[in-house]
Amino acid sequence: MDETPHPLGSHVASWAPGPVTDTDPLPAGPAAAVSALLDLPAPVAADGDPLPPLWEWFHFLPLAGPA
């Protein structure tokens, strides 16, 4: 069986992937904690609600020390 390999370009030349959208809802706990720290009358967001600009930083804090 003598198959001639095709160049990679021939396999991907007609490839046209569609857009990909992904969501990953954040829990409301960190936003509620910062809302309380700032003495806001209510949490700024519930589960699945959009957060104010830059508030996503409170969800990705390091849990261990640098050492």
N, C-alpha and C. Protein backbone atom coordinates (compact mmCIF):
# COMPACT_ATOMS: atom_id res chain seq x y z
N MET A 1 0.85 -1.16 0.00
CA MET A 1 0.00 0.00 0.00
C MET A 1 0.90 1.23 0.00
N ASP A 2 0.92 1.93 -1.09
CA ASP A 2 1.80 3.07 -1.26
C ASP A 2 0.97 4.35 -1.28
N GLU A 3 0.84 4.97 -0.11
CA GLU A 3 0.11 6.23 -0.03
C GLU A 3 1.11 7.38 0.03
N THR A 4 0.91 8.35 -0.81
CA THR A 4 1.78 9.52 -0.80
C THR A 4 1.24 10.50 0.25
N PRO A 5 2.06 10.90 1.19
CA PRO A 5 1.56 11.84 2.21
C PRO A 5 1.23 13.19 1.57
N HIS A 6 0.16 13.77 2.05
CA HIS A 6 -0.25 15.09 1.58
C HIS A 6 0.38 16.16 2.46
N PRO A 7 0.75 17.28 1.90
CA PRO A 7 1.29 18.34 2.75
C PRO A 7 0.22 18.85 3.72
N LEU A 8 0.66 19.29 4.88
CA LEU A 8 -0.26 19.74 5.92
C LEU A 8 -1.18 20.85 5.40
N GLY A 9 -0.67 21.72 4.59
CA GLY A 9 -1.46 22.83 4.06
C GLY A 9 -2.70 22.38 3.33
N SER A 10 -2.65 21.23 2.67
CA SER A 10 -3.82 20.76 1.94
C SER A 10 -4.93 20.33 2.90
N HIS A 11 -4.59 19.98 4.13
CA HIS A 11 -5.60 19.56 5.10
C HIS A 11 -6.26 20.76 5.79
N VAL A 12 -5.54 21.85 5.92
CA VAL A 12 -6.08 22.99 6.65
C VAL A 12 -6.49 24.16 5.75
N ALA A 13 -6.26 24.06 4.46
CA ALA A 13 -6.56 25.16 3.56
C ALA A 13 -8.04 25.54 3.58
N SER A 14 -8.92 24.57 3.67
CA SER A 14 -10.34 24.87 3.64
C SER A 14 -10.97 24.89 5.03
N TRP A 15 -10.14 24.81 6.06
CA TRP A 15 -10.66 24.79 7.43
C TRP A 15 -11.15 26.17 7.81
N ALA A 16 -12.38 26.27 8.24
CA ALA A 16 -12.96 27.55 8.66
C ALA A 16 -13.76 27.31 9.94
N PRO A 17 -13.09 27.34 11.09
CA PRO A 17 -13.81 27.07 12.33
C PRO A 17 -14.80 28.17 12.65
N GLY A 18 -15.88 27.80 13.29
CA GLY A 18 -16.86 28.78 13.72
C GLY A 18 -16.43 29.43 15.02
N PRO A 19 -17.12 30.48 15.43
CA PRO A 19 -16.76 31.14 16.69
C PRO A 19 -17.02 30.22 17.88
N VAL A 20 -16.23 30.40 18.91
CA VAL A 20 -16.38 29.62 20.14
C VAL A 20 -16.67 30.58 21.27
N THR A 21 -17.71 30.30 22.02
CA THR A 21 -18.07 31.10 23.18
C THR A 21 -18.13 30.19 24.38
N ASP A 22 -17.58 30.63 25.49
CA ASP A 22 -17.57 29.83 26.70
C ASP A 22 -17.92 30.73 27.87
N THR A 23 -18.60 30.19 28.85
CA THR A 23 -18.92 30.95 30.05
C THR A 23 -18.50 30.13 31.26
N ASP A 24 -18.14 30.81 32.30
CA ASP A 24 -17.76 30.17 33.55
C ASP A 24 -18.25 31.07 34.67
N PRO A 25 -19.48 30.87 35.13
CA PRO A 25 -20.03 31.76 36.16
C PRO A 25 -19.19 31.73 37.44
N LEU A 26 -19.00 32.90 38.01
CA LEU A 26 -18.26 33.01 39.26
C LEU A 26 -19.23 33.00 40.42
N PRO A 27 -18.86 32.40 41.54
CA PRO A 27 -19.73 32.44 42.72
C PRO A 27 -19.80 33.87 43.27
N ALA A 28 -20.88 34.18 43.95
CA ALA A 28 -21.10 35.54 44.45
C ALA A 28 -20.32 35.83 45.73
N GLY A 29 -19.74 34.83 46.37
CA GLY A 29 -19.08 35.02 47.67
C GLY A 29 -18.03 36.11 47.70
N PRO A 30 -17.01 36.09 46.83
CA PRO A 30 -16.00 37.14 46.90
C PRO A 30 -16.56 38.55 46.64
N ALA A 31 -17.49 38.68 45.73
CA ALA A 31 -18.08 40.00 45.47
C ALA A 31 -18.90 40.45 46.68
N ALA A 32 -19.59 39.53 47.33
CA ALA A 32 -20.36 39.88 48.52
C ALA A 32 -19.42 40.29 49.66
N ALA A 33 -18.29 39.62 49.80
CA ALA A 33 -17.33 39.97 50.85
C ALA A 33 -16.76 41.37 50.62
N VAL A 34 -16.39 41.70 49.40
CA VAL A 34 -15.85 43.03 49.11
C VAL A 34 -16.94 44.09 49.25
N SER A 35 -18.16 43.74 48.87
CA SER A 35 -19.28 44.68 49.06
C SER A 35 -19.44 45.01 50.54
N ALA A 36 -19.32 44.00 51.41
CA ALA A 36 -19.42 44.24 52.85
C ALA A 36 -18.24 45.05 53.35
N LEU A 37 -17.04 44.75 52.84
CA LEU A 37 -15.84 45.49 53.23
C LEU A 37 -15.99 46.97 52.89
N LEU A 38 -16.61 47.27 51.76
CA LEU A 38 -16.81 48.65 51.33
C LEU A 38 -18.07 49.27 51.93
N ASP A 39 -18.75 48.50 52.79
CA ASP A 39 -19.96 48.94 53.47
C ASP A 39 -21.07 49.35 52.50
N LEU A 40 -21.18 48.59 51.41
CA LEU A 40 -22.25 48.83 50.45
C LEU A 40 -23.55 48.29 51.02
N PRO A 41 -24.70 48.87 50.66
CA PRO A 41 -25.96 48.41 51.23
C PRO A 41 -26.36 46.99 50.81
N ALA A 42 -25.83 46.52 49.68
CA ALA A 42 -26.14 45.17 49.20
C ALA A 42 -24.97 44.69 48.34
N PRO A 43 -24.83 43.38 48.18
CA PRO A 43 -23.78 42.88 47.29
C PRO A 43 -23.96 43.43 45.87
N VAL A 44 -22.86 43.68 45.18
CA VAL A 44 -22.95 44.24 43.84
C VAL A 44 -23.40 43.23 42.80
N ALA A 45 -23.30 41.92 43.12
CA ALA A 45 -23.69 40.90 42.15
C ALA A 45 -24.10 39.63 42.87
N ALA A 46 -25.05 38.92 42.29
CA ALA A 46 -25.46 37.60 42.77
C ALA A 46 -24.82 36.56 41.86
N ASP A 47 -25.03 35.28 42.16
CA ASP A 47 -24.48 34.21 41.32
C ASP A 47 -24.87 34.43 39.86
N GLY A 48 -23.89 34.45 38.98
CA GLY A 48 -24.15 34.56 37.54
C GLY A 48 -24.33 35.97 37.02
N ASP A 49 -24.43 36.97 37.91
CA ASP A 49 -24.57 38.36 37.46
C ASP A 49 -23.22 38.88 36.97
N PRO A 50 -23.24 39.84 36.05
CA PRO A 50 -21.97 40.46 35.65
C PRO A 50 -21.40 41.28 36.81
N LEU A 51 -20.09 41.32 36.87
CA LEU A 51 -19.41 42.08 37.92
C LEU A 51 -19.05 43.47 37.42
N PRO A 52 -18.91 44.42 38.34
CA PRO A 52 -18.39 45.73 37.93
C PRO A 52 -16.96 45.58 37.39
N PRO A 53 -16.49 46.55 36.63
CA PRO A 53 -15.14 46.46 36.08
C PRO A 53 -14.09 46.21 37.17
N LEU A 54 -13.19 45.28 36.89
CA LEU A 54 -12.05 44.89 37.72
C LEU A 54 -12.41 44.07 38.96
N TRP A 55 -13.68 43.87 39.26
CA TRP A 55 -14.05 43.08 40.42
C TRP A 55 -13.73 41.60 40.23
N GLU A 56 -13.48 41.17 39.01
CA GLU A 56 -13.12 39.77 38.79
C GLU A 56 -11.78 39.45 39.46
N TRP A 57 -10.98 40.45 39.75
CA TRP A 57 -9.69 40.22 40.41
C TRP A 57 -9.88 39.58 41.78
N PHE A 58 -10.99 39.85 42.45
CA PHE A 58 -11.23 39.28 43.77
C PHE A 58 -11.50 37.78 43.71
N HIS A 59 -11.75 37.25 42.53
CA HIS A 59 -12.02 35.82 42.38
C HIS A 59 -10.76 35.02 42.07
N PHE A 60 -9.66 35.66 41.80
CA PHE A 60 -8.45 34.95 41.39
C PHE A 60 -7.27 35.32 42.28
N LEU A 61 -7.51 35.34 43.58
CA LEU A 61 -6.45 35.67 44.54
C LEU A 61 -5.61 34.44 44.82
N PRO A 62 -4.32 34.63 45.08
CA PRO A 62 -3.48 33.47 45.43
C PRO A 62 -3.90 32.93 46.80
N LEU A 63 -3.98 31.63 46.89
CA LEU A 63 -4.39 31.01 48.15
C LEU A 63 -3.21 30.53 48.97
N ALA A 64 -2.02 30.64 48.43
CA ALA A 64 -0.81 30.22 49.15
C ALA A 64 0.20 31.35 49.13
N GLY A 65 1.06 31.36 50.12
CA GLY A 65 2.10 32.38 50.18
C GLY A 65 3.13 32.19 49.10
N PRO A 66 3.93 33.22 48.83
CA PRO A 66 4.93 33.11 47.77
C PRO A 66 6.03 32.09 48.07
N ALA A 67 6.26 31.79 49.32
CA ALA A 67 7.29 30.81 49.67
C ALA A 67 6.73 29.44 49.42
